[in-house]
Amino acid sequence: MDEEDEKKEEKAPPPRKRPAPKRRRVAASEAAAADEVVVAKPAAGGVTVAEERGARRALAGGVTLAALALALVGVGPSEVGMAITLAGLLTLIYGIHTFGRLGAETAK
Protein backbone atom coordinates (compact mmCIF):
# COMPACT_ATOMS: atom_id res chain seq x y z
CA MET A 1 0.00 0.00 0.00
CA ASP A 2 2.82 2.38 0.62
CA GLU A 3 3.93 2.08 -3.00
CA GLU A 4 0.44 2.87 -4.25
CA ASP A 5 0.27 6.01 -2.08
CA GLU A 6 3.64 7.19 -3.38
CA LYS A 7 2.54 6.73 -7.00
CA LYS A 8 -0.64 8.72 -6.38
CA GLU A 9 1.38 11.56 -4.84
CA GLU A 10 3.78 11.61 -7.78
CA LYS A 11 0.97 11.86 -10.32
CA ALA A 12 -0.70 14.90 -8.74
CA PRO A 13 -1.30 17.59 -11.38
CA PRO A 14 0.53 20.89 -11.01
CA PRO A 15 -1.48 23.79 -9.60
CA ARG A 16 -3.38 25.85 -12.17
CA LYS A 17 -2.13 29.31 -12.99
CA ARG A 18 -4.59 32.14 -13.26
CA PRO A 19 -4.47 33.98 -16.57
CA ALA A 20 -3.08 37.50 -16.47
CA PRO A 21 -5.75 40.20 -16.65
CA LYS A 22 -6.10 41.81 -20.05
CA ARG A 23 -5.26 45.50 -20.20
CA ARG A 24 -7.15 47.85 -22.38
CA ARG A 25 -6.80 51.48 -23.27
CA VAL A 26 -9.45 53.73 -21.82
CA ALA A 27 -10.39 57.33 -22.39
CA ALA A 28 -9.32 59.89 -19.80
CA SER A 29 -12.90 60.40 -18.65
CA GLU A 30 -13.34 56.65 -18.06
CA ALA A 31 -10.03 56.43 -16.22
CA ALA A 32 -10.93 59.36 -13.98
CA ALA A 33 -14.23 57.69 -13.19
CA ALA A 34 -12.40 54.48 -12.27
CA ASP A 35 -9.89 56.39 -10.04
CA GLU A 36 -6.96 55.48 -12.28
CA VAL A 37 -3.95 57.73 -12.68
CA VAL A 38 -4.25 60.02 -15.69
CA VAL A 39 -1.38 62.15 -16.92
CA ALA A 40 -2.79 65.27 -18.48
CA LYS A 41 -2.22 68.97 -18.69
CA PRO A 42 -3.39 70.75 -15.55
CA ALA A 43 -6.15 73.31 -15.51
CA ALA A 44 -5.37 76.93 -16.31
CA GLY A 45 -2.69 78.20 -13.95
CA GLY A 46 -1.64 74.68 -12.90
CA VAL A 47 1.85 73.22 -13.00
CA THR A 48 2.81 69.86 -14.46
CA VAL A 49 5.15 67.51 -12.66
CA ALA A 50 7.66 67.78 -15.50
CA GLU A 51 7.82 71.57 -15.23
CA GLU A 52 8.44 71.45 -11.50
CA ARG A 53 10.98 68.65 -11.87
CA GLY A 54 12.88 70.68 -14.47
CA ALA A 55 13.02 73.72 -12.21
CA ARG A 56 14.24 71.62 -9.28
CA ARG A 57 16.92 70.00 -11.47
CA ALA A 58 18.14 73.43 -12.59
CA LEU A 59 18.36 74.56 -8.95
CA ALA A 60 20.23 71.42 -7.88
CA GLY A 61 22.57 71.58 -10.88
CA GLY A 62 23.34 75.25 -10.30
CA VAL A 63 24.11 74.72 -6.63
CA THR A 64 26.29 71.70 -7.39
CA LEU A 65 28.24 73.49 -10.12
CA ALA A 66 28.70 76.60 -7.99
CA ALA A 67 29.95 74.60 -4.99
CA LEU A 68 32.34 72.57 -7.16
CA ALA A 69 33.65 75.70 -8.84
CA LEU A 70 34.18 77.53 -5.56
CA ALA A 71 36.15 74.54 -4.29
CA LEU A 72 38.32 74.64 -7.44
CA VAL A 73 38.90 78.37 -7.13
CA GLY A 74 39.57 78.03 -3.39
CA VAL A 75 42.48 75.65 -4.05
CA GLY A 76 44.10 78.08 -6.43
CA PRO A 77 43.15 80.58 -9.11
CA SER A 78 42.32 78.90 -12.38
CA GLU A 79 40.49 79.74 -15.59
CA VAL A 80 38.52 76.49 -15.44
CA GLY A 81 37.29 77.29 -11.93
CA MET A 82 36.14 80.75 -13.01
CA ALA A 83 34.26 79.35 -16.03
CA ILE A 84 32.56 76.67 -13.93
CA THR A 85 31.65 79.30 -11.29
CA LEU A 86 30.02 81.46 -13.93
CA ALA A 87 28.15 78.48 -15.42
CA GLY A 88 26.98 77.39 -11.96
CA LEU A 89 25.76 80.85 -11.01
CA LEU A 90 23.91 81.29 -14.33
CA THR A 91 22.29 77.87 -13.92
CA LEU A 92 21.31 78.75 -10.35
CA ILE A 93 19.76 82.05 -11.50
CA TYR A 94 17.88 80.21 -14.24
CA GLY A 95 16.63 77.63 -11.73
CA ILE A 96 15.40 80.31 -9.32
CA HIS A 97 13.69 82.13 -12.19
CA THR A 98 11.90 79.05 -13.54
CA PHE A 99 10.90 77.88 -10.06
CA GLY A 100 9.47 81.34 -9.32
CA ARG A 101 7.58 81.38 -12.63
CA LEU A 102 5.71 78.21 -11.66
CA GLY A 103 3.48 80.32 -9.43
CA ALA A 104 2.24 80.09 -5.89
CA GLU A 105 1.66 76.72 -4.31
CA THR A 106 -2.05 76.10 -3.95
CA ALA A 107 -3.55 74.41 -0.90
CA LYS A 108 -5.81 71.45 -1.64
C-alpha atoms as a PDB file:
ATOM      1  CA  MET A   1       0.000   0.000   0.000  1.00  0.00           C
ATOM      2  CA  ASP A   2       2.818   2.383   0.618  1.00  0.00           C
ATOM      3  CA  GLU A   3       3.933   2.079  -2.997  1.00  0.00           C
ATOM      4  CA  GLU A   4       0.443   2.870  -4.255  1.00  0.00           C
ATOM      5  CA  ASP A   5       0.266   6.006  -2.081  1.00  0.00           C
ATOM      6  CA  GLU A   6       3.639   7.190  -3.377  1.00  0.00           C
ATOM      7  CA  LYS A   7       2.540   6.725  -6.999  1.00  0.00           C
ATOM      8  CA  LYS A   8      -0.642   8.719  -6.378  1.00  0.00           C
ATOM      9  CA  GLU A   9       1.379  11.563  -4.836  1.00  0.00           C
ATOM     10  CA  GLU A  10       3.780  11.606  -7.783  1.00  0.00           C
ATOM     11  CA  LYS A  11       0.970  11.858 -10.324  1.00  0.00           C
ATOM     12  CA  ALA A  12      -0.703  14.899  -8.740  1.00  0.00           C
ATOM     13  CA  PRO A  13      -1.300  17.590 -11.382  1.00  0.00           C
ATOM     14  CA  PRO A  14       0.530  20.888 -11.014  1.00  0.00           C
ATOM     15  CA  PRO A  15      -1.475  23.787  -9.602  1.00  0.00           C
ATOM     16  CA  ARG A  16      -3.378  25.852 -12.173  1.00  0.00           C
ATOM     17  CA  LYS A  17      -2.134  29.311 -12.987  1.00  0.00           C
ATOM     18  CA  ARG A  18      -4.589  32.143 -13.261  1.00  0.00           C
ATOM     19  CA  PRO A  19      -4.465  33.976 -16.565  1.00  0.00           C
ATOM     20  CA  ALA A  20      -3.082  37.498 -16.467  1.00  0.00           C
ATOM     21  CA  PRO A  21      -5.745  40.199 -16.646  1.00  0.00           C
ATOM     22  CA  LYS A  22      -6.102  41.813 -20.046  1.00  0.00           C
ATOM     23  CA  ARG A  23      -5.260  45.495 -20.196  1.00  0.00           C
ATOM     24  CA  ARG A  24      -7.151  47.847 -22.384  1.00  0.00           C
ATOM     25  CA  ARG A  25      -6.803  51.478 -23.268  1.00  0.00           C
ATOM     26  CA  VAL A  26      -9.447  53.732 -21.820  1.00  0.00           C
ATOM     27  CA  ALA A  27     -10.385  57.333 -22.388  1.00  0.00           C
ATOM     28  CA  ALA A  28      -9.317  59.895 -19.801  1.00  0.00           C
ATOM     29  CA  SER A  29     -12.904  60.398 -18.653  1.00  0.00           C
ATOM     30  CA  GLU A  30     -13.337  56.654 -18.056  1.00  0.00           C
ATOM     31  CA  ALA A  31     -10.029  56.433 -16.219  1.00  0.00           C
ATOM     32  CA  ALA A  32     -10.931  59.359 -13.978  1.00  0.00           C
ATOM     33  CA  ALA A  33     -14.234  57.686 -13.187  1.00  0.00           C
ATOM     34  CA  ALA A  34     -12.396  54.484 -12.273  1.00  0.00           C
ATOM     35  CA  ASP A  35      -9.895  56.388 -10.045  1.00  0.00           C
ATOM     36  CA  GLU A  36      -6.955  55.478 -12.281  1.00  0.00           C
ATOM     37  CA  VAL A  37      -3.952  57.733 -12.684  1.00  0.00           C
ATOM     38  CA  VAL A  38      -4.254  60.024 -15.691  1.00  0.00           C
ATOM     39  CA  VAL A  39      -1.377  62.154 -16.924  1.00  0.00           C
ATOM     40  CA  ALA A  40      -2.785  65.267 -18.483  1.00  0.00           C
ATOM     41  CA  LYS A  41      -2.222  68.974 -18.692  1.00  0.00           C
ATOM     42  CA  PRO A  42      -3.392  70.750 -15.549  1.00  0.00           C
ATOM     43  CA  ALA A  43      -6.155  73.309 -15.512  1.00  0.00           C
ATOM     44  CA  ALA A  44      -5.372  76.935 -16.314  1.00  0.00           C
ATOM     45  CA  GLY A  45      -2.688  78.195 -13.952  1.00  0.00           C
ATOM     46  CA  GLY A  46      -1.638  74.680 -12.897  1.00  0.00           C
ATOM     47  CA  VAL A  47       1.846  73.224 -12.999  1.00  0.00           C
ATOM     48  CA  THR A  48       2.810  69.863 -14.464  1.00  0.00           C
ATOM     49  CA  VAL A  49       5.153  67.515 -12.659  1.00  0.00           C
ATOM     50  CA  ALA A  50       7.659  67.777 -15.503  1.00  0.00           C
ATOM     51  CA  GLU A  51       7.817  71.566 -15.229  1.00  0.00           C
ATOM     52  CA  GLU A  52       8.436  71.452 -11.496  1.00  0.00           C
ATOM     53  CA  ARG A  53      10.977  68.653 -11.868  1.00  0.00           C
ATOM     54  CA  GLY A  54      12.877  70.676 -14.474  1.00  0.00           C
ATOM     55  CA  ALA A  55      13.021  73.723 -12.206  1.00  0.00           C
ATOM     56  CA  ARG A  56      14.238  71.623  -9.285  1.00  0.00           C
ATOM     57  CA  ARG A  57      16.917  69.999 -11.472  1.00  0.00           C
ATOM     58  CA  ALA A  58      18.140  73.427 -12.586  1.00  0.00           C
ATOM     59  CA  LEU A  59      18.365  74.561  -8.955  1.00  0.00           C
ATOM     60  CA  ALA A  60      20.225  71.423  -7.881  1.00  0.00           C
ATOM     61  CA  GLY A  61      22.573  71.578 -10.877  1.00  0.00           C
ATOM     62  CA  GLY A  62      23.344  75.253 -10.299  1.00  0.00           C
ATOM     63  CA  VAL A  63      24.109  74.724  -6.630  1.00  0.00           C
ATOM     64  CA  THR A  64      26.294  71.702  -7.385  1.00  0.00           C
ATOM     65  CA  LEU A  65      28.242  73.487 -10.116  1.00  0.00           C
ATOM     66  CA  ALA A  66      28.701  76.604  -7.987  1.00  0.00           C
ATOM     67  CA  ALA A  67      29.947  74.601  -4.990  1.00  0.00           C
ATOM     68  CA  LEU A  68      32.341  72.568  -7.163  1.00  0.00           C
ATOM     69  CA  ALA A  69      33.653  75.696  -8.841  1.00  0.00           C
ATOM     70  CA  LEU A  70      34.178  77.534  -5.559  1.00  0.00           C
ATOM     71  CA  ALA A  71      36.146  74.543  -4.289  1.00  0.00           C
ATOM     72  CA  LEU A  72      38.319  74.636  -7.438  1.00  0.00           C
ATOM     73  CA  VAL A  73      38.904  78.367  -7.129  1.00  0.00           C
ATOM     74  CA  GLY A  74      39.575  78.034  -3.387  1.00  0.00           C
ATOM     75  CA  VAL A  75      42.476  75.655  -4.048  1.00  0.00           C
ATOM     76  CA  GLY A  76      44.105  78.082  -6.432  1.00  0.00           C
ATOM     77  CA  PRO A  77      43.148  80.581  -9.106  1.00  0.00           C
ATOM     78  CA  SER A  78      42.324  78.900 -12.382  1.00  0.00           C
ATOM     79  CA  GLU A  79      40.492  79.741 -15.594  1.00  0.00           C
ATOM     80  CA  VAL A  80      38.521  76.491 -15.440  1.00  0.00           C
ATOM     81  CA  GLY A  81      37.289  77.294 -11.930  1.00  0.00           C
ATOM     82  CA  MET A  82      36.144  80.747 -13.012  1.00  0.00           C
ATOM     83  CA  ALA A  83      34.263  79.350 -16.026  1.00  0.00           C
ATOM     84  CA  ILE A  84      32.556  76.669 -13.926  1.00  0.00           C
ATOM     85  CA  THR A  85      31.653  79.296 -11.290  1.00  0.00           C
ATOM     86  CA  LEU A  86      30.025  81.458 -13.932  1.00  0.00           C
ATOM     87  CA  ALA A  87      28.151  78.484 -15.420  1.00  0.00           C
ATOM     88  CA  GLY A  88      26.982  77.392 -11.958  1.00  0.00           C
ATOM     89  CA  LEU A  89      25.758  80.853 -11.014  1.00  0.00           C
ATOM     90  CA  LEU A  90      23.910  81.293 -14.327  1.00  0.00           C
ATOM     91  CA  THR A  91      22.289  77.874 -13.917  1.00  0.00           C
ATOM     92  CA  LEU A  92      21.309  78.749 -10.350  1.00  0.00           C
ATOM     93  CA  ILE A  93      19.764  82.052 -11.495  1.00  0.00           C
ATOM     94  CA  TYR A  94      17.879  80.210 -14.242  1.00  0.00           C
ATOM     95  CA  GLY A  95      16.628  77.631 -11.728  1.00  0.00           C
ATOM     96  CA  ILE A  96      15.399  80.315  -9.320  1.00  0.00           C
ATOM     97  CA  HIS A  97      13.694  82.133 -12.190  1.00  0.00           C
ATOM     98  CA  THR A  98      11.903  79.046 -13.541  1.00  0.00           C
ATOM     99  CA  PHE A  99      10.904  77.885 -10.063  1.00  0.00           C
ATOM    100  CA  GLY A 100       9.472  81.335  -9.322  1.00  0.00           C
ATOM    101  CA  ARG A 101       7.580  81.381 -12.630  1.00  0.00           C
ATOM    102  CA  LEU A 102       5.707  78.213 -11.657  1.00  0.00           C
ATOM    103  CA  GLY A 103       3.479  80.323  -9.429  1.00  0.00           C
ATOM    104  CA  ALA A 104       2.242  80.093  -5.888  1.00  0.00           C
ATOM    105  CA  GLU A 105       1.665  76.718  -4.311  1.00  0.00           C
ATOM    106  CA  THR A 106      -2.052  76.095  -3.949  1.00  0.00           C
ATOM    107  CA  ALA A 107      -3.551  74.409  -0.898  1.00  0.00           C
ATOM    108  CA  LYS A 108      -5.811  71.450  -1.643  1.00  0.00           C
END
